[in-house]
Amino acid sequence: MSQFFQIHPENPQSRLIKQAVAIIRAGGVVIYPTDSSYAVGCHIGDKNAVERIRRLRQLDDKHNFTLVCRDLSQLSTFAKVDTAAFRLLKTHTPGPYTFILNATREVPRMLLHAKRRTIGLRVPSHPIAMALLEEFGEPLMSVSLILPGEDLPMSDPYEMRQILEHQVDLIIDGGFGGLAASTVVSLVDDEPEIIRVGCGDPTPFVEA
């Protein structure tokens, strides 16, 4: 049975954030809000927790996992960022975008795309997500909370509790979430490529 924390979406309670991070450090799988939709995340090096998320979402090895980072400095530890990519990242982070980049050796092999050594990275602007990342001091391995067979992310924390309370360790209720996941942009090749259109405006990358 998962725990259920009601955390203020604009002024997250420090006590609850610390408790949430303790659950993540202990190998927990956590549902939390971002500036696009709700996500499900865990510690990047915890194989058991990653496998639980893979099963929950029914993901194959071609899925690009995402590392949700506190800032660009942390992001650059886990991805190879050239000057052109850095310029785009600086302009559009924090925000509702996930960027596919070539991974560095800091990224656990189990998180990498099976054929390309790539990883998704994003810097959110949601106060709860930012508070978790600040307290945790590391990225969160995350995917959007889209259940198998569904096209849209889950948005109602009470519905999440009803359906997923035996599959995760913590659900953070930060109010109703968005109905669109982040916009996914690949910066692996010379030209940016839109992989998925979500709640972030794709126009700047088409014109980049």
C-alpha atoms as a PDB file:
ATOM      1  CA  MET A   1       0.000   0.000   0.000  1.00  0.00           C
ATOM      2  CA  SER A   2       1.504   3.319  -1.077  1.00  0.00           C
ATOM      3  CA  GLN A   3       1.702   6.468   0.999  1.00  0.00           C
ATOM      4  CA  PHE A   4      -0.246   9.531  -0.143  1.00  0.00           C
ATOM      5  CA  PHE A   5       1.185  13.000   0.527  1.00  0.00           C
ATOM      6  CA  GLN A   6      -0.803  16.156  -0.162  1.00  0.00           C
ATOM      7  CA  ILE A   7       1.876  18.726  -0.964  1.00  0.00           C
ATOM      8  CA  HIS A   8       1.146  22.371  -1.708  1.00  0.00           C
ATOM      9  CA  PRO A   9       1.782  22.962  -5.454  1.00  0.00           C
ATOM     10  CA  GLU A  10       3.293  26.425  -4.934  1.00  0.00           C
ATOM     11  CA  ASN A  11       4.822  26.214  -1.446  1.00  0.00           C
ATOM     12  CA  PRO A  12       5.838  22.570  -0.902  1.00  0.00           C
ATOM     13  CA  GLN A  13       6.066  21.601   2.773  1.00  0.00           C
ATOM     14  CA  SER A  14       9.732  20.895   3.574  1.00  0.00           C
ATOM     15  CA  ARG A  15       8.865  18.085   6.014  1.00  0.00           C
ATOM     16  CA  LEU A  16       6.917  16.158   3.355  1.00  0.00           C
ATOM     17  CA  ILE A  17       9.582  16.752   0.708  1.00  0.00           C
ATOM     18  CA  LYS A  18      12.208  15.271   3.051  1.00  0.00           C
ATOM     19  CA  GLN A  19       9.985  12.248   3.709  1.00  0.00           C
ATOM     20  CA  ALA A  20       9.435  11.770  -0.030  1.00  0.00           C
ATOM     21  CA  VAL A  21      13.177  11.874  -0.714  1.00  0.00           C
ATOM     22  CA  ALA A  22      13.765   9.328   2.070  1.00  0.00           C
ATOM     23  CA  ILE A  23      11.341   6.980   0.284  1.00  0.00           C
ATOM     24  CA  ILE A  24      13.207   7.467  -3.020  1.00  0.00           C
ATOM     25  CA  ARG A  25      16.573   6.832  -1.348  1.00  0.00           C
ATOM     26  CA  ALA A  26      15.192   3.608   0.141  1.00  0.00           C
ATOM     27  CA  GLY A  27      14.398   2.297  -3.360  1.00  0.00           C
ATOM     28  CA  GLY A  28      10.860   3.634  -3.642  1.00  0.00           C
ATOM     29  CA  VAL A  29       8.861   4.327  -6.788  1.00  0.00           C
ATOM     30  CA  VAL A  30       7.172   7.727  -6.572  1.00  0.00           C
ATOM     31  CA  ILE A  31       4.465   9.497  -8.561  1.00  0.00           C
ATOM     32  CA  TYR A  32       4.984  13.267  -8.605  1.00  0.00           C
ATOM     33  CA  PRO A  33       3.764  16.323 -10.561  1.00  0.00           C
ATOM     34  CA  THR A  34       5.812  18.169 -13.171  1.00  0.00           C
ATOM     35  CA  ASP A  35       5.085  21.258 -15.272  1.00  0.00           C
ATOM     36  CA  SER A  36       3.677  19.028 -18.034  1.00  0.00           C
ATOM     37  CA  SER A  37       1.956  16.004 -16.474  1.00  0.00           C
ATOM     38  CA  TYR A  38       2.427  13.639 -13.565  1.00  0.00           C
ATOM     39  CA  ALA A  39       5.490  11.401 -13.774  1.00  0.00           C
ATOM     40  CA  VAL A  40       6.612   8.220 -12.061  1.00  0.00           C
ATOM     41  CA  GLY A  41      10.221   8.186 -10.900  1.00  0.00           C
ATOM     42  CA  CYS A  42      12.943   6.538  -8.847  1.00  0.00           C
ATOM     43  CA  HIS A  43      16.676   6.667  -8.102  1.00  0.00           C
ATOM     44  CA  ILE A  44      18.643   6.310 -11.357  1.00  0.00           C
ATOM     45  CA  GLY A  45      20.840   3.493 -10.095  1.00  0.00           C
ATOM     46  CA  ASP A  46      18.147   1.324  -8.515  1.00  0.00           C
ATOM     47  CA  LYS A  47      17.649  -1.605 -10.897  1.00  0.00           C
ATOM     48  CA  ASN A  48      14.691  -3.053  -8.989  1.00  0.00           C
ATOM     49  CA  ALA A  49      12.819   0.272  -8.954  1.00  0.00           C
ATOM     50  CA  VAL A  50      13.556   0.868 -12.658  1.00  0.00           C
ATOM     51  CA  GLU A  51      12.192  -2.602 -13.497  1.00  0.00           C
ATOM     52  CA  ARG A  52       9.030  -1.882 -11.489  1.00  0.00           C
ATOM     53  CA  ILE A  53       8.455   1.272 -13.533  1.00  0.00           C
ATOM     54  CA  ARG A  54       9.173  -0.620 -16.755  1.00  0.00           C
ATOM     55  CA  ARG A  55       6.506  -3.186 -15.804  1.00  0.00           C
ATOM     56  CA  LEU A  56       3.999  -0.545 -14.686  1.00  0.00           C
ATOM     57  CA  ARG A  57       4.300   1.234 -18.035  1.00  0.00           C
ATOM     58  CA  GLN A  58       4.933  -1.998 -20.045  1.00  0.00           C
ATOM     59  CA  LEU A  59       7.969  -0.411 -21.711  1.00  0.00           C
ATOM     60  CA  ASP A  60      10.349  -2.191 -24.049  1.00  0.00           C
ATOM     61  CA  ASP A  61      14.101  -1.617 -24.288  1.00  0.00           C
ATOM     62  CA  LYS A  62      13.655   0.938 -27.083  1.00  0.00           C
ATOM     63  CA  HIS A  63      12.026   3.447 -24.765  1.00  0.00           C
ATOM     64  CA  ASN A  64      14.079   6.514 -23.908  1.00  0.00           C
ATOM     65  CA  PHE A  65      14.005   6.927 -20.152  1.00  0.00           C
ATOM     66  CA  THR A  66      14.317  10.472 -18.868  1.00  0.00           C
ATOM     67  CA  LEU A  67      16.575  11.889 -16.195  1.00  0.00           C
ATOM     68  CA  VAL A  68      14.790  14.813 -14.565  1.00  0.00           C
ATOM     69  CA  CYS A  69      17.503  17.225 -13.459  1.00  0.00           C
ATOM     70  CA  ARG A  70      17.691  20.156 -11.081  1.00  0.00           C
ATOM     71  CA  ASP A  71      19.479  22.452 -13.541  1.00  0.00           C
ATOM     72  CA  LEU A  72      21.628  22.584 -16.680  1.00  0.00           C
ATOM     73  CA  SER A  73      24.807  22.004 -14.694  1.00  0.00           C
ATOM     74  CA  GLN A  74      23.492  18.681 -13.405  1.00  0.00           C
ATOM     75  CA  LEU A  75      22.152  17.774 -16.838  1.00  0.00           C
ATOM     76  CA  SER A  76      25.566  18.217 -18.455  1.00  0.00           C
ATOM     77  CA  THR A  77      27.013  15.542 -16.136  1.00  0.00           C
ATOM     78  CA  PHE A  78      24.813  12.940 -17.811  1.00  0.00           C
ATOM     79  CA  ALA A  79      24.704  14.157 -21.435  1.00  0.00           C
ATOM     80  CA  LYS A  80      27.158  15.276 -24.086  1.00  0.00           C
ATOM     81  CA  VAL A  81      26.151  18.839 -24.871  1.00  0.00           C
ATOM     82  CA  ASP A  82      27.772  20.781 -27.712  1.00  0.00           C
ATOM     83  CA  THR A  83      27.529  24.563 -28.132  1.00  0.00           C
ATOM     84  CA  ALA A  84      24.438  24.525 -30.349  1.00  0.00           C
ATOM     85  CA  ALA A  85      22.582  22.142 -28.038  1.00  0.00           C
ATOM     86  CA  PHE A  86      23.598  24.149 -24.971  1.00  0.00           C
ATOM     87  CA  ARG A  87      22.164  27.311 -26.529  1.00  0.00           C
ATOM     88  CA  LEU A  88      18.803  25.588 -27.101  1.00  0.00           C
ATOM     89  CA  LEU A  89      18.812  24.027 -23.633  1.00  0.00           C
ATOM     90  CA  LYS A  90      19.593  27.339 -21.951  1.00  0.00           C
ATOM     91  CA  THR A  91      16.722  29.031 -23.777  1.00  0.00           C
ATOM     92  CA  HIS A  92      14.108  26.342 -23.103  1.00  0.00           C
ATOM     93  CA  THR A  93      14.905  25.083 -19.602  1.00  0.00           C
ATOM     94  CA  PRO A  94      13.341  24.903 -17.159  1.00  0.00           C
ATOM     95  CA  GLY A  95      10.211  24.029 -19.089  1.00  0.00           C
ATOM     96  CA  PRO A  96       7.919  21.299 -20.462  1.00  0.00           C
ATOM     97  CA  TYR A  97      10.500  19.778 -22.812  1.00  0.00           C
ATOM     98  CA  THR A  98      12.417  16.500 -22.781  1.00  0.00           C
ATOM     99  CA  PHE A  99      15.636  16.484 -24.789  1.00  0.00           C
ATOM    100  CA  ILE A 100      17.184  13.326 -26.255  1.00  0.00           C
ATOM    101  CA  LEU A 101      20.981  13.556 -26.074  1.00  0.00           C
ATOM    102  CA  ASN A 102      23.978  11.257 -26.237  1.00  0.00           C
ATOM    103  CA  ALA A 103      24.645   9.940 -22.748  1.00  0.00           C
ATOM    104  CA  THR A 104      27.887  10.114 -20.809  1.00  0.00           C
ATOM    105  CA  ARG A 105      29.341   7.197 -18.847  1.00  0.00           C
ATOM    106  CA  GLU A 106      27.557   8.506 -15.746  1.00  0.00           C
ATOM    107  CA  VAL A 107      24.262   7.077 -17.024  1.00  0.00           C
ATOM    108  CA  PRO A 108      23.611   3.461 -15.950  1.00  0.00           C
ATOM    109  CA  ARG A 109      23.562   1.097 -18.940  1.00  0.00           C
ATOM    110  CA  MET A 110      20.071  -0.185 -18.053  1.00  0.00           C
ATOM    111  CA  LEU A 111      18.630   3.297 -18.762  1.00  0.00           C
ATOM    112  CA  LEU A 112      20.178   3.712 -22.204  1.00  0.00           C
ATOM    113  CA  HIS A 113      18.379   3.192 -25.494  1.00  0.00           C
ATOM    114  CA  ALA A 114      19.164  -0.341 -26.694  1.00  0.00           C
ATOM    115  CA  LYS A 115      20.736   0.694 -30.014  1.00  0.00           C
ATOM    116  CA  ARG A 116      21.830   4.288 -29.453  1.00  0.00           C
ATOM    117  CA  ARG A 117      23.563   5.404 -26.266  1.00  0.00           C
ATOM    118  CA  THR A 118      20.985   8.126 -25.763  1.00  0.00           C
ATOM    119  CA  ILE A 119      18.997   9.337 -22.784  1.00  0.00           C
ATOM    120  CA  GLY A 120      16.141  11.784 -22.278  1.00  0.00           C
ATOM    121  CA  LEU A 121      16.817  14.770 -20.036  1.00  0.00           C
ATOM    122  CA  ARG A 122      14.637  17.564 -18.741  1.00  0.00           C
ATOM    123  CA  VAL A 123      14.625  20.387 -16.211  1.00  0.00           C
ATOM    124  CA  PRO A 124      11.081  21.025 -14.926  1.00  0.00           C
ATOM    125  CA  SER A 125       9.714  24.242 -13.472  1.00  0.00           C
ATOM    126  CA  HIS A 126       7.069  22.757 -11.139  1.00  0.00           C
ATOM    127  CA  PRO A 127       7.752  23.785  -7.500  1.00  0.00           C
ATOM    128  CA  ILE A 128       7.184  20.253  -6.117  1.00  0.00           C
ATOM    129  CA  ALA A 129       9.460  18.619  -8.691  1.00  0.00           C
ATOM    130  CA  MET A 130      12.114  21.281  -8.110  1.00  0.00           C
ATOM    131  CA  ALA A 131      11.902  20.864  -4.327  1.00  0.00           C
ATOM    132  CA  LEU A 132      12.327  17.080  -4.653  1.00  0.00           C
ATOM    133  CA  LEU A 133      15.347  17.481  -6.941  1.00  0.00           C
ATOM    134  CA  GLU A 134      16.926  20.105  -4.685  1.00  0.00           C
ATOM    135  CA  GLU A 135      16.547  17.922  -1.591  1.00  0.00           C
ATOM    136  CA  PHE A 136      17.585  14.725  -3.399  1.00  0.00           C
ATOM    137  CA  GLY A 137      20.683  16.243  -5.017  1.00  0.00           C
ATOM    138  CA  GLU A 138      20.536  13.769  -7.915  1.00  0.00           C
ATOM    139  CA  PRO A 139      18.362  13.361 -11.017  1.00  0.00           C
ATOM    140  CA  LEU A 140      15.196  11.285 -10.860  1.00  0.00           C
ATOM    141  CA  MET A 141      14.797   8.525 -13.435  1.00  0.00           C
ATOM    142  CA  SER A 142      11.307   9.272 -14.733  1.00  0.00           C
ATOM    143  CA  VAL A 143       8.662   8.536 -17.334  1.00  0.00           C
ATOM    144  CA  SER A 144       5.295  10.195 -17.911  1.00  0.00           C
ATOM    145  CA  LEU A 145       2.451   8.545 -16.009  1.00  0.00           C
ATOM    146  CA  ILE A 146       0.656   7.130 -19.063  1.00  0.00           C
ATOM    147  CA  LEU A 147      -0.866   3.721 -18.371  1.00  0.00           C
ATOM    148  CA  PRO A 148      -0.652   0.909 -20.965  1.00  0.00           C
ATOM    149  CA  GLY A 149      -3.307   1.316 -23.663  1.00  0.00           C
ATOM    150  CA  GLU A 150      -3.877   4.997 -22.824  1.00  0.00           C
ATOM    151  CA  ASP A 151      -2.853   8.041 -24.872  1.00  0.00           C
ATOM    152  CA  LEU A 152      -3.075  10.677 -22.143  1.00  0.00           C
ATOM    153  CA  PRO A 153      -1.272  10.920 -18.794  1.00  0.00           C
ATOM    154  CA  MET A 154      -3.220  10.353 -15.582  1.00  0.00           C
ATOM    155  CA  SER A 155      -4.205  13.673 -13.999  1.00  0.00           C
ATOM    156  CA  ASP A 156      -6.310  12.892 -10.889  1.00  0.00           C
ATOM    157  CA  PRO A 157      -4.217  11.907  -7.825  1.00  0.00           C
ATOM    158  CA  TYR A 158      -7.194  10.122  -6.235  1.00  0.00           C
ATOM    159  CA  GLU A 159      -7.645   7.981  -9.345  1.00  0.00           C
ATOM    160  CA  MET A 160      -3.907   7.230  -9.216  1.00  0.00           C
ATOM    161  CA  ARG A 161      -4.341   6.122  -5.617  1.00  0.00           C
ATOM    162  CA  GLN A 162      -7.266   3.897  -6.525  1.00  0.00           C
ATOM    163  CA  ILE A 163      -5.492   2.191  -9.447  1.00  0.00           C
ATOM    164  CA  LEU A 164      -1.812   2.228  -8.502  1.00  0.00           C
ATOM    165  CA  GLU A 165      -1.601   2.132  -4.697  1.00  0.00           C
ATOM    166  CA  HIS A 166      -0.170  -1.404  -4.761  1.00  0.00           C
ATOM    167  CA  GLN A 167       2.343  -0.689  -7.538  1.00  0.00           C
ATOM    168  CA  VAL A 168       4.138   2.396  -6.200  1.00  0.00           C
ATOM    169  CA  ASP A 169       5.453   3.476  -2.796  1.00  0.00           C
ATOM    170  CA  LEU A 170       4.331   7.105  -2.773  1.00  0.00           C
ATOM    171  CA  ILE A 171       1.794   9.247  -4.621  1.00  0.00           C
ATOM    172  CA  ILE A 172       2.299  12.999  -4.251  1.00  0.00           C
ATOM    173  CA  ASP A 173      -0.957  14.895  -4.646  1.00  0.00           C
ATOM    174  CA  GLY A 174      -0.098  18.330  -5.993  1.00  0.00           C
ATOM    175  CA  GLY A 175      -3.534  18.965  -7.483  1.00  0.00           C
ATOM    176  CA  PHE A 176      -4.864  17.965 -10.882  1.00  0.00           C
ATOM    177  CA  GLY A 177      -2.099  17.444 -13.441  1.00  0.00           C
ATOM    178  CA  GLY A 178      -1.843  18.403 -17.082  1.00  0.00           C
ATOM    179  CA  LEU A 179      -3.294  16.203 -19.826  1.00  0.00           C
ATOM    180  CA  ALA A 180      -0.270  16.482 -22.113  1.00  0.00           C
ATOM    181  CA  ALA A 181       3.194  15.062 -21.570  1.00  0.00           C
ATOM    182  CA  SER A 182       6.323  17.065 -22.332  1.00  0.00           C
ATOM    183  CA  THR A 183       7.360  17.819 -25.898  1.00  0.00           C
ATOM    184  CA  VAL A 184      10.272  15.548 -26.833  1.00  0.00           C
ATOM    185  CA  VAL A 185      13.089  16.972 -28.970  1.00  0.00           C
ATOM    186  CA  SER A 186      16.095  14.989 -30.188  1.00  0.00           C
ATOM    187  CA  LEU A 187      19.353  16.946 -30.253  1.00  0.00           C
ATOM    188  CA  VAL A 188      21.439  13.902 -31.217  1.00  0.00           C
ATOM    189  CA  ASP A 189      21.931  14.897 -34.871  1.00  0.00           C
ATOM    190  CA  ASP A 190      22.840  18.226 -36.450  1.00  0.00           C
ATOM    191  CA  GLU A 191      19.230  19.396 -36.739  1.00  0.00           C
ATOM    192  CA  PRO A 192      16.727  19.249 -33.867  1.00  0.00           C
ATOM    193  CA  GLU A 193      14.030  16.617 -34.457  1.00  0.00           C
ATOM    194  CA  ILE A 194      10.582  16.689 -32.855  1.00  0.00           C
ATOM    195  CA  ILE A 195       9.889  13.175 -31.527  1.00  0.00           C
ATOM    196  CA  ARG A 196       6.634  13.949 -29.715  1.00  0.00           C
ATOM    197  CA  VAL A 197       4.509  17.087 -29.585  1.00  0.00           C
ATOM    198  CA  GLY A 198       3.271  17.702 -26.053  1.00  0.00           C
ATOM    199  CA  CYS A 199       2.546  20.804 -24.004  1.00  0.00           C
ATOM    200  CA  GLY A 200       5.801  22.581 -24.937  1.00  0.00           C
ATOM    201  CA  ASP A 201       5.631  24.682 -28.117  1.00  0.00           C
ATOM    202  CA  PRO A 202       7.644  22.806 -30.810  1.00  0.00           C
ATOM    203  CA  THR A 203       7.941  25.851 -33.110  1.00  0.00           C
ATOM    204  CA  PRO A 204      11.362  27.108 -31.894  1.00  0.00           C
ATOM    205  CA  PHE A 205      12.960  23.739 -32.716  1.00  0.00           C
ATOM    206  CA  VAL A 206      11.429  23.518 -36.176  1.00  0.00           C
ATOM    207  CA  GLU A 207      12.897  26.921 -36.901  1.00  0.00           C
ATOM    208  CA  ALA A 208      16.235  26.261 -35.130  1.00  0.00           C
END
